[in-house]
Amino acid sequence: MLPEELPPLPALTHAEGEVVDHYLAVVDLLGRINPARDGDTYRGLRAAQALVRKAEELRDALELMHERGEREVHGGTLARALRVLDGERRAARVALPPDAVG
């Protein structure tokens, strides 16, 4: 049985694609840093160090959009792209995990 095919990404400008990619990289790193999740401090430290560079790349992509006259962020379109790229699962790692009442 073949795996279900993902829906196609919506049409994005190059700069919008860069914003989405860098945003997800930042989200992934924040998920690794999340102190409410189990893990070791070294992993969190390495992710925090990488976060600076990835945040700069995200800033640069947004600056490029602005310089090119792309003044609006099309939230619906970018949200569809984030969903195709598993953004909901990735962003959930940034949130607090459910409280374990026991």
Protein backbone atom coordinates (compact mmCIF):
# COMPACT_ATOMS: atom_id res chain seq x y z
CA MET A 1 0.00 0.00 0.00
CA LEU A 2 1.37 3.40 -0.99
CA PRO A 3 1.52 6.22 1.57
CA GLU A 4 -1.03 8.98 1.21
CA GLU A 5 0.27 11.75 -1.01
CA LEU A 6 0.65 15.13 0.65
CA PRO A 7 -1.31 18.02 -0.78
CA PRO A 8 0.77 20.34 -2.93
CA LEU A 9 2.28 23.44 -1.40
CA PRO A 10 0.42 26.60 -2.33
CA ALA A 11 2.15 28.96 -4.76
CA LEU A 12 4.62 31.05 -2.77
CA THR A 13 7.15 33.66 -3.73
CA HIS A 14 10.75 32.65 -3.12
CA ALA A 15 10.87 35.00 -0.13
CA GLU A 16 7.63 33.55 1.31
CA GLY A 17 9.08 30.07 0.98
CA GLU A 18 12.19 31.21 2.83
CA VAL A 19 10.06 32.73 5.61
CA VAL A 20 8.13 29.47 6.02
CA ASP A 21 11.32 27.37 6.03
CA HIS A 22 13.14 29.60 8.52
CA TYR A 23 10.05 29.96 10.73
CA LEU A 24 9.76 26.18 11.00
CA ALA A 25 13.48 25.90 11.77
CA VAL A 26 12.99 28.38 14.64
CA VAL A 27 9.94 26.45 15.88
CA ASP A 28 11.90 23.18 15.80
CA LEU A 29 14.69 24.72 17.85
CA LEU A 30 12.27 26.23 20.36
CA GLY A 31 10.71 22.78 20.74
CA ARG A 32 14.13 21.35 21.56
CA ILE A 33 14.75 24.13 24.10
CA ASN A 34 11.32 23.83 25.80
CA PRO A 35 12.13 23.35 29.50
CA ALA A 36 8.79 21.64 30.10
CA ARG A 37 9.93 18.67 28.02
CA ASP A 38 12.35 15.96 29.07
CA GLY A 39 15.84 16.15 27.65
CA ASP A 40 19.36 17.07 28.55
CA THR A 41 20.74 20.55 29.03
CA TYR A 42 23.38 20.11 26.34
CA ARG A 43 20.72 19.49 23.70
CA GLY A 44 18.89 22.62 24.81
CA LEU A 45 22.10 24.63 24.85
CA ARG A 46 22.99 23.59 21.30
CA ALA A 47 19.49 24.44 20.11
CA ALA A 48 19.63 27.85 21.81
CA GLN A 49 22.96 28.59 20.14
CA ALA A 50 21.54 27.65 16.72
CA LEU A 51 18.39 29.68 17.39
CA VAL A 52 20.31 32.95 17.05
CA ARG A 53 21.43 32.10 13.51
CA LYS A 54 18.02 30.80 12.46
CA ALA A 55 16.27 33.90 13.85
CA GLU A 56 18.65 36.05 11.81
CA GLU A 57 17.81 34.03 8.68
CA LEU A 58 14.09 34.51 9.37
CA ARG A 59 14.65 38.25 9.83
CA ASP A 60 16.61 38.42 6.58
CA ALA A 61 13.83 36.63 4.66
CA LEU A 62 11.24 39.05 6.04
CA GLU A 63 13.50 42.01 5.17
CA LEU A 64 13.80 40.70 1.63
CA MET A 65 10.02 40.47 1.32
CA HIS A 66 9.69 44.03 2.57
CA GLU A 67 12.42 45.34 0.24
CA ARG A 68 10.74 43.67 -2.74
CA GLY A 69 7.49 45.41 -1.96
CA GLU A 70 5.78 42.35 -0.49
CA ARG A 71 4.09 44.35 2.26
CA GLU A 72 1.39 41.85 3.24
CA VAL A 73 1.69 38.46 4.84
CA HIS A 74 -0.98 36.22 3.33
CA GLY A 75 -1.79 34.25 6.46
CA GLY A 76 -4.17 31.76 4.88
CA THR A 77 -1.71 30.81 2.15
CA LEU A 78 1.22 30.56 4.52
CA ALA A 79 -0.86 28.57 7.02
CA ARG A 80 -1.64 26.03 4.27
CA ALA A 81 2.07 25.75 3.50
CA LEU A 82 2.87 25.28 7.20
CA ARG A 83 0.26 22.52 7.48
CA VAL A 84 1.64 20.68 4.45
CA LEU A 85 5.08 20.88 6.08
CA ASP A 86 3.80 19.39 9.36
CA GLY A 87 3.85 22.76 11.12
CA GLU A 88 1.06 21.90 13.58
CA ARG A 89 2.94 18.94 15.03
CA ARG A 90 6.21 20.84 15.06
CA ALA A 91 4.68 23.89 16.78
CA ALA A 92 2.99 21.68 19.39
CA ARG A 93 6.44 20.87 20.82
CA VAL A 94 6.76 24.53 21.83
CA ALA A 95 3.60 24.41 23.98
CA LEU A 96 3.40 23.06 27.50
CA PRO A 97 2.65 19.34 27.54
CA PRO A 98 -0.66 18.31 29.13
CA ASP A 99 -0.63 18.30 32.90
CA ALA A 100 -0.21 14.76 34.18
CA VAL A 101 -2.73 14.52 37.00
CA GLY A 102 -2.20 11.35 38.86
